PDB file of all heavy atoms in Angstrom:
ATOM      1  N   LEU A   1       0.829  -1.208   0.000  1.00  0.00           N
ATOM      2  CA  LEU A   1       0.000   0.000   0.000  1.00  0.00           C
ATOM      3  C   LEU A   1       0.866   1.262   0.000  1.00  0.00           C
ATOM      4  O   LEU A   1       0.591   2.217  -0.734  1.00  0.00           O
ATOM      5  CB  LEU A   1      -0.918  -0.025   1.219  1.00  0.00           C
ATOM      6  CG  LEU A   1      -2.189   0.812   1.179  1.00  0.00           C
ATOM      7  CD1 LEU A   1      -3.092   0.362   0.039  1.00  0.00           C
ATOM      8  CD2 LEU A   1      -2.920   0.697   2.502  1.00  0.00           C
ATOM      9  N   LEU A   2       1.917   1.271   0.808  1.00  0.00           N
ATOM     10  CA  LEU A   2       2.822   2.423   0.834  1.00  0.00           C
ATOM     11  C   LEU A   2       3.466   2.664  -0.529  1.00  0.00           C
ATOM     12  O   LEU A   2       3.587   3.811  -0.979  1.00  0.00           O
ATOM     13  CB  LEU A   2       3.911   2.210   1.891  1.00  0.00           C
ATOM     14  CG  LEU A   2       3.507   2.387   3.354  1.00  0.00           C
ATOM     15  CD1 LEU A   2       4.597   1.865   4.270  1.00  0.00           C
ATOM     16  CD2 LEU A   2       3.213   3.848   3.669  1.00  0.00           C
ATOM     17  N   GLU A   3       3.868   1.604  -1.182  1.00  0.00           N
ATOM     18  CA  GLU A   3       4.477   1.745  -2.500  1.00  0.00           C
ATOM     19  C   GLU A   3       3.482   2.336  -3.506  1.00  0.00           C
ATOM     20  O   GLU A   3       3.829   3.198  -4.308  1.00  0.00           O
ATOM     21  CB  GLU A   3       4.981   0.386  -2.987  1.00  0.00           C
ATOM     22  CG  GLU A   3       6.345   0.006  -2.465  1.00  0.00           C
ATOM     23  CD  GLU A   3       7.431   0.876  -3.081  1.00  0.00           C
ATOM     24  OE1 GLU A   3       7.790   0.645  -4.248  1.00  0.00           O
ATOM     25  OE2 GLU A   3       7.914   1.803  -2.397  1.00  0.00           O
ATOM     26  N   CYS A   4       2.244   1.868  -3.447  1.00  0.00           N
ATOM     27  CA  CYS A   4       1.217   2.411  -4.348  1.00  0.00           C
ATOM     28  C   CYS A   4       0.957   3.886  -4.039  1.00  0.00           C
ATOM     29  O   CYS A   4       0.757   4.691  -4.954  1.00  0.00           O
ATOM     30  CB  CYS A   4      -0.072   1.610  -4.219  1.00  0.00           C
ATOM     31  SG  CYS A   4      -0.013  -0.002  -5.023  1.00  0.00           S
ATOM     32  N   CYS A   5       0.954   4.244  -2.766  1.00  0.00           N
ATOM     33  CA  CYS A   5       0.730   5.645  -2.395  1.00  0.00           C
ATOM     34  C   CYS A   5       1.830   6.553  -2.941  1.00  0.00           C
ATOM     35  O   CYS A   5       1.570   7.607  -3.514  1.00  0.00           O
ATOM     36  CB  CYS A   5       0.659   5.783  -0.874  1.00  0.00           C
ATOM     37  SG  CYS A   5      -0.854   5.151  -0.128  1.00  0.00           S
ATOM     38  N   ARG A   6       3.064   6.133  -2.778  1.00  0.00           N
ATOM     39  CA  ARG A   6       4.167   7.007  -3.191  1.00  0.00           C
ATOM     40  C   ARG A   6       4.301   7.065  -4.713  1.00  0.00           C
ATOM     41  O   ARG A   6       4.773   8.059  -5.262  1.00  0.00           O
ATOM     42  CB  ARG A   6       5.457   6.584  -2.521  1.00  0.00           C
ATOM     43  CG  ARG A   6       6.067   5.290  -2.999  1.00  0.00           C
ATOM     44  CD  ARG A   6       7.340   5.564  -3.795  1.00  0.00           C
ATOM     45  NE  ARG A   6       8.140   4.357  -3.951  1.00  0.00           N
ATOM     46  CZ  ARG A   6       9.258   4.333  -4.650  1.00  0.00           C
ATOM     47  NH1 ARG A   6       9.704   5.407  -5.252  1.00  0.00           N
ATOM     48  NH2 ARG A   6       9.933   3.199  -4.756  1.00  0.00           N
ATOM     49  N   ASN A   7       3.866   6.028  -5.413  1.00  0.00           N
ATOM     50  CA  ASN A   7       3.958   6.019  -6.872  1.00  0.00           C
ATOM     51  C   ASN A   7       2.761   6.663  -7.556  1.00  0.00           C
ATOM     52  O   ASN A   7       2.752   6.798  -8.792  1.00  0.00           O
ATOM     53  CB  ASN A   7       4.117   4.584  -7.383  1.00  0.00           C
ATOM     54  CG  ASN A   7       5.492   4.015  -7.099  1.00  0.00           C
ATOM     55  OD1 ASN A   7       6.490   4.719  -7.198  1.00  0.00           O
ATOM     56  ND2 ASN A   7       5.551   2.736  -6.741  1.00  0.00           N
ATOM     57  N   ASN A   8       1.746   7.050  -6.772  1.00  0.00           N
ATOM     58  CA  ASN A   8       0.529   7.612  -7.364  1.00  0.00           C
ATOM     59  C   ASN A   8       0.150   8.958  -6.751  1.00  0.00           C
ATOM     60  O   ASN A   8      -1.002   9.377  -6.842  1.00  0.00           O
ATOM     61  CB  ASN A   8      -0.623   6.620  -7.214  1.00  0.00           C
ATOM     62  CG  ASN A   8      -0.465   5.402  -8.104  1.00  0.00           C
ATOM     63  OD1 ASN A   8      -0.870   5.410  -9.265  1.00  0.00           O
ATOM     64  ND2 ASN A   8       0.140   4.350  -7.570  1.00  0.00           N
ATOM     65  N   THR A   9       1.073   9.621  -6.148  1.00  0.00           N
ATOM     66  CA  THR A   9       0.894  10.978  -5.622  1.00  0.00           C
ATOM     67  C   THR A   9      -0.334  11.092  -4.730  1.00  0.00           C
ATOM     68  O   THR A   9      -1.176  11.986  -4.899  1.00  0.00           O
ATOM     69  CB  THR A   9       0.800  12.011  -6.776  1.00  0.00           C
ATOM     70  OG1 THR A   9       1.681  11.639  -7.830  1.00  0.00           O
ATOM     71  CG2 THR A   9       1.197  13.391  -6.271  1.00  0.00           C
ATOM     72  N   ILE A  10      -0.466  10.157  -3.796  1.00  0.00           N
ATOM     73  CA  ILE A  10      -1.573  10.201  -2.842  1.00  0.00           C
ATOM     74  C   ILE A  10      -1.371  11.388  -1.898  1.00  0.00           C
ATOM     75  O   ILE A  10      -0.274  11.625  -1.392  1.00  0.00           O
ATOM     76  CB  ILE A  10      -1.652   8.879  -2.050  1.00  0.00           C
ATOM     77  CG1 ILE A  10      -1.918   7.708  -3.004  1.00  0.00           C
ATOM     78  CG2 ILE A  10      -2.734   8.953  -0.976  1.00  0.00           C
ATOM     79  CD1 ILE A  10      -3.175   7.818  -3.821  1.00  0.00           C
ATOM     80  N   LYS A  11      -2.447  12.113  -1.634  1.00  0.00           N
ATOM     81  CA  LYS A  11      -2.352  13.323  -0.813  1.00  0.00           C
ATOM     82  C   LYS A  11      -2.260  13.029   0.680  1.00  0.00           C
ATOM     83  O   LYS A  11      -1.753  13.848   1.447  1.00  0.00           O
ATOM     84  CB  LYS A  11      -3.560  14.231  -1.091  1.00  0.00           C
ATOM     85  CG  LYS A  11      -3.637  14.731  -2.525  1.00  0.00           C
ATOM     86  CD  LYS A  11      -4.930  15.496  -2.777  1.00  0.00           C
ATOM     87  CE  LYS A  11      -5.042  15.925  -4.236  1.00  0.00           C
ATOM     88  NZ  LYS A  11      -6.362  16.574  -4.501  1.00  0.00           N
ATOM     89  N   HIS A  12      -2.755  11.863   1.105  1.00  0.00           N
ATOM     90  CA  HIS A  12      -2.771  11.561   2.533  1.00  0.00           C
ATOM     91  C   HIS A  12      -3.092  10.084   2.727  1.00  0.00           C
ATOM     92  O   HIS A  12      -4.048   9.568   2.136  1.00  0.00           O
ATOM     93  CB  HIS A  12      -3.830  12.416   3.245  1.00  0.00           C
ATOM     94  CG  HIS A  12      -3.784  12.371   4.738  1.00  0.00           C
ATOM     95  ND1 HIS A  12      -4.831  12.839   5.524  1.00  0.00           N
ATOM     96  CD2 HIS A  12      -2.858  11.915   5.618  1.00  0.00           C
ATOM     97  CE1 HIS A  12      -4.526  12.692   6.796  1.00  0.00           C
ATOM     98  NE2 HIS A  12      -3.343  12.122   6.883  1.00  0.00           N
ATOM     99  N   LEU A  13      -2.299   9.407   3.533  1.00  0.00           N
ATOM    100  CA  LEU A  13      -2.590   8.045   3.959  1.00  0.00           C
ATOM    101  C   LEU A  13      -2.939   8.063   5.438  1.00  0.00           C
ATOM    102  O   LEU A  13      -2.141   8.498   6.272  1.00  0.00           O
ATOM    103  CB  LEU A  13      -1.382   7.126   3.730  1.00  0.00           C
ATOM    104  CG  LEU A  13      -1.442   5.754   4.417  1.00  0.00           C
ATOM    105  CD1 LEU A  13      -2.577   4.905   3.847  1.00  0.00           C
ATOM    106  CD2 LEU A  13      -0.105   5.018   4.293  1.00  0.00           C
ATOM    107  N   VAL A  14      -4.144   7.603   5.763  1.00  0.00           N
ATOM    108  CA  VAL A  14      -4.573   7.422   7.152  1.00  0.00           C
ATOM    109  C   VAL A  14      -4.657   5.921   7.386  1.00  0.00           C
ATOM    110  O   VAL A  14      -5.221   5.194   6.565  1.00  0.00           O
ATOM    111  CB  VAL A  14      -5.948   8.082   7.403  1.00  0.00           C
ATOM    112  CG1 VAL A  14      -6.421   7.818   8.823  1.00  0.00           C
ATOM    113  CG2 VAL A  14      -5.871   9.574   7.123  1.00  0.00           C
ATOM    114  N   TYR A  15      -4.095   5.438   8.497  1.00  0.00           N
ATOM    115  CA  TYR A  15      -4.076   3.996   8.716  1.00  0.00           C
ATOM    116  C   TYR A  15      -4.359   3.674  10.184  1.00  0.00           C
ATOM    117  O   TYR A  15      -4.068   4.464  11.082  1.00  0.00           O
ATOM    118  CB  TYR A  15      -2.723   3.392   8.299  1.00  0.00           C
ATOM    119  CG  TYR A  15      -1.541   3.942   9.067  1.00  0.00           C
ATOM    120  CD1 TYR A  15      -1.041   3.278  10.185  1.00  0.00           C
ATOM    121  CD2 TYR A  15      -0.931   5.139   8.686  1.00  0.00           C
ATOM    122  CE1 TYR A  15       0.028   3.794  10.897  1.00  0.00           C
ATOM    123  CE2 TYR A  15       0.144   5.657   9.382  1.00  0.00           C
ATOM    124  CZ  TYR A  15       0.617   4.981  10.492  1.00  0.00           C
ATOM    125  OH  TYR A  15       1.672   5.500  11.208  1.00  0.00           O
ATOM    126  N   ALA A  16      -4.944   2.501  10.383  1.00  0.00           N
ATOM    127  CA  ALA A  16      -5.269   2.042  11.731  1.00  0.00           C
ATOM    128  C   ALA A  16      -4.039   1.450  12.391  1.00  0.00           C
ATOM    129  O   ALA A  16      -3.435   0.508  11.879  1.00  0.00           O
ATOM    130  CB  ALA A  16      -6.379   1.001  11.680  1.00  0.00           C
ATOM    131  N   SER A  17      -3.683   2.009  13.544  1.00  0.00           N
ATOM    132  CA  SER A  17      -2.740   1.363  14.436  1.00  0.00           C
ATOM    133  C   SER A  17      -3.574   0.783  15.575  1.00  0.00           C
ATOM    134  O   SER A  17      -4.733   0.441  15.370  1.00  0.00           O
ATOM    135  CB  SER A  17      -1.679   2.351  14.924  1.00  0.00           C
ATOM    136  OG  SER A  17      -0.704   1.686  15.704  1.00  0.00           O
ATOM    137  N   SER A  18      -3.028   0.672  16.765  1.00  0.00           N
ATOM    138  CA  SER A  18      -3.774   0.035  17.855  1.00  0.00           C
ATOM    139  C   SER A  18      -3.227   0.443  19.206  1.00  0.00           C
ATOM    140  O   SER A  18      -2.019   0.702  19.357  1.00  0.00           O
ATOM    141  CB  SER A  18      -3.673  -1.490  17.712  1.00  0.00           C
ATOM    142  OG  SER A  18      -4.164  -2.149  18.854  1.00  0.00           O
ATOM    143  N   SER A  19      -4.091   0.463  20.202  1.00  0.00           N
ATOM    144  CA  SER A  19      -3.638   0.691  21.576  1.00  0.00           C
ATOM    145  C   SER A  19      -2.733  -0.436  22.046  1.00  0.00           C
ATOM    146  O   SER A  19      -1.990  -0.283  23.021  1.00  0.00           O
ATOM    147  CB  SER A  19      -4.839   0.817  22.523  1.00  0.00           C
ATOM    148  OG  SER A  19      -5.590  -0.388  22.551  1.00  0.00           O
ATOM    149  N   SER A  20      -2.762  -1.568  21.346  1.00  0.00           N
ATOM    150  CA  SER A  20      -1.909  -2.694  21.725  1.00  0.00           C
ATOM    151  C   SER A  20      -0.425  -2.355  21.661  1.00  0.00           C
ATOM    152  O   SER A  20       0.391  -3.024  22.305  1.00  0.00           O
ATOM    153  CB  SER A  20      -2.182  -3.889  20.807  1.00  0.00           C
ATOM    154  OG  SER A  20      -3.508  -4.336  20.918  1.00  0.00           O
ATOM    155  N   VAL A  21      -0.062  -1.326  20.902  1.00  0.00           N
ATOM    156  CA  VAL A  21       1.366  -0.987  20.787  1.00  0.00           C
ATOM    157  C   VAL A  21       1.955  -0.565  22.130  1.00  0.00           C
ATOM    158  O   VAL A  21       3.174  -0.615  22.316  1.00  0.00           O
ATOM    159  CB  VAL A  21       1.621   0.124  19.733  1.00  0.00           C
ATOM    160  CG1 VAL A  21       1.136  -0.314  18.357  1.00  0.00           C
ATOM    161  CG2 VAL A  21       1.006   1.449  20.150  1.00  0.00           C
ATOM    162  N   TYR A  22       1.111  -0.141  23.082  1.00  0.00           N
ATOM    163  CA  TYR A  22       1.628   0.311  24.371  1.00  0.00           C
ATOM    164  C   TYR A  22       2.163  -0.843  25.226  1.00  0.00           C
ATOM    165  O   TYR A  22       2.932  -0.613  26.157  1.00  0.00           O
ATOM    166  CB  TYR A  22       0.556   1.103  25.128  1.00  0.00           C
ATOM    167  CG  TYR A  22       0.280   2.437  24.483  1.00  0.00           C
ATOM    168  CD1 TYR A  22      -0.877   2.651  23.733  1.00  0.00           C
ATOM    169  CD2 TYR A  22       1.190   3.479  24.590  1.00  0.00           C
ATOM    170  CE1 TYR A  22      -1.114   3.872  23.116  1.00  0.00           C
ATOM    171  CE2 TYR A  22       0.955   4.702  23.967  1.00  0.00           C
ATOM    172  CZ  TYR A  22      -0.201   4.893  23.232  1.00  0.00           C
ATOM    173  OH  TYR A  22      -0.427   6.104  22.616  1.00  0.00           O
ATOM    174  N   GLY A  23       1.762  -2.073  24.926  1.00  0.00           N
ATOM    175  CA  GLY A  23       2.381  -3.250  25.514  1.00  0.00           C
ATOM    176  C   GLY A  23       2.569  -3.197  27.008  1.00  0.00           C
ATOM    177  O   GLY A  23       1.607  -3.078  27.777  1.00  0.00           O
ATOM    178  N   LEU A  24       3.836  -3.282  27.442  1.00  0.00           N
ATOM    179  CA  LEU A  24       4.159  -3.337  28.865  1.00  0.00           C
ATOM    180  C   LEU A  24       4.229  -1.968  29.534  1.00  0.00           C
ATOM    181  O   LEU A  24       4.603  -1.884  30.706  1.00  0.00           O
ATOM    182  CB  LEU A  24       5.497  -4.075  29.058  1.00  0.00           C
ATOM    183  CG  LEU A  24       5.496  -5.566  28.691  1.00  0.00           C
ATOM    184  CD1 LEU A  24       6.900  -6.149  28.830  1.00  0.00           C
ATOM    185  CD2 LEU A  24       4.509  -6.353  29.544  1.00  0.00           C
ATOM    186  N   ASN A  25       3.876  -0.911  28.816  1.00  0.00           N
ATOM    187  CA  ASN A  25       3.898   0.427  29.429  1.00  0.00           C
ATOM    188  C   ASN A  25       3.041   0.456  30.695  1.00  0.00           C
ATOM    189  O   ASN A  25       1.921  -0.066  30.716  1.00  0.00           O
ATOM    190  CB  ASN A  25       3.370   1.478  28.451  1.00  0.00           C
ATOM    191  CG  ASN A  25       4.348   1.778  27.333  1.00  0.00           C
ATOM    192  OD1 ASN A  25       5.230   0.972  27.045  1.00  0.00           O
ATOM    193  ND2 ASN A  25       4.204   2.917  26.696  1.00  0.00           N
ATOM    194  N   LYS A  26       3.544   1.072  31.726  1.00  0.00           N
ATOM    195  CA  LYS A  26       2.823   1.163  32.996  1.00  0.00           C
ATOM    196  C   LYS A  26       2.284   2.569  33.263  1.00  0.00           C
ATOM    197  O   LYS A  26       1.330   2.727  34.028  1.00  0.00           O
ATOM    198  CB  LYS A  26       3.735   0.741  34.152  1.00  0.00           C
ATOM    199  CG  LYS A  26       4.203  -0.714  34.073  1.00  0.00           C
ATOM    200  CD  LYS A  26       3.042  -1.691  34.132  1.00  0.00           C
ATOM    201  CE  LYS A  26       3.521  -3.126  34.115  1.00  0.00           C
ATOM    202  NZ  LYS A  26       2.387  -4.096  34.064  1.00  0.00           N
TER     203      LYS A  26
END
């Protein structure tokens, strides 16, 4: 998807991340 965005002059990519990235954070 990133490659397609950069090769097609996409104005903005919005993507889902997750609260799971916080992992062991206290």
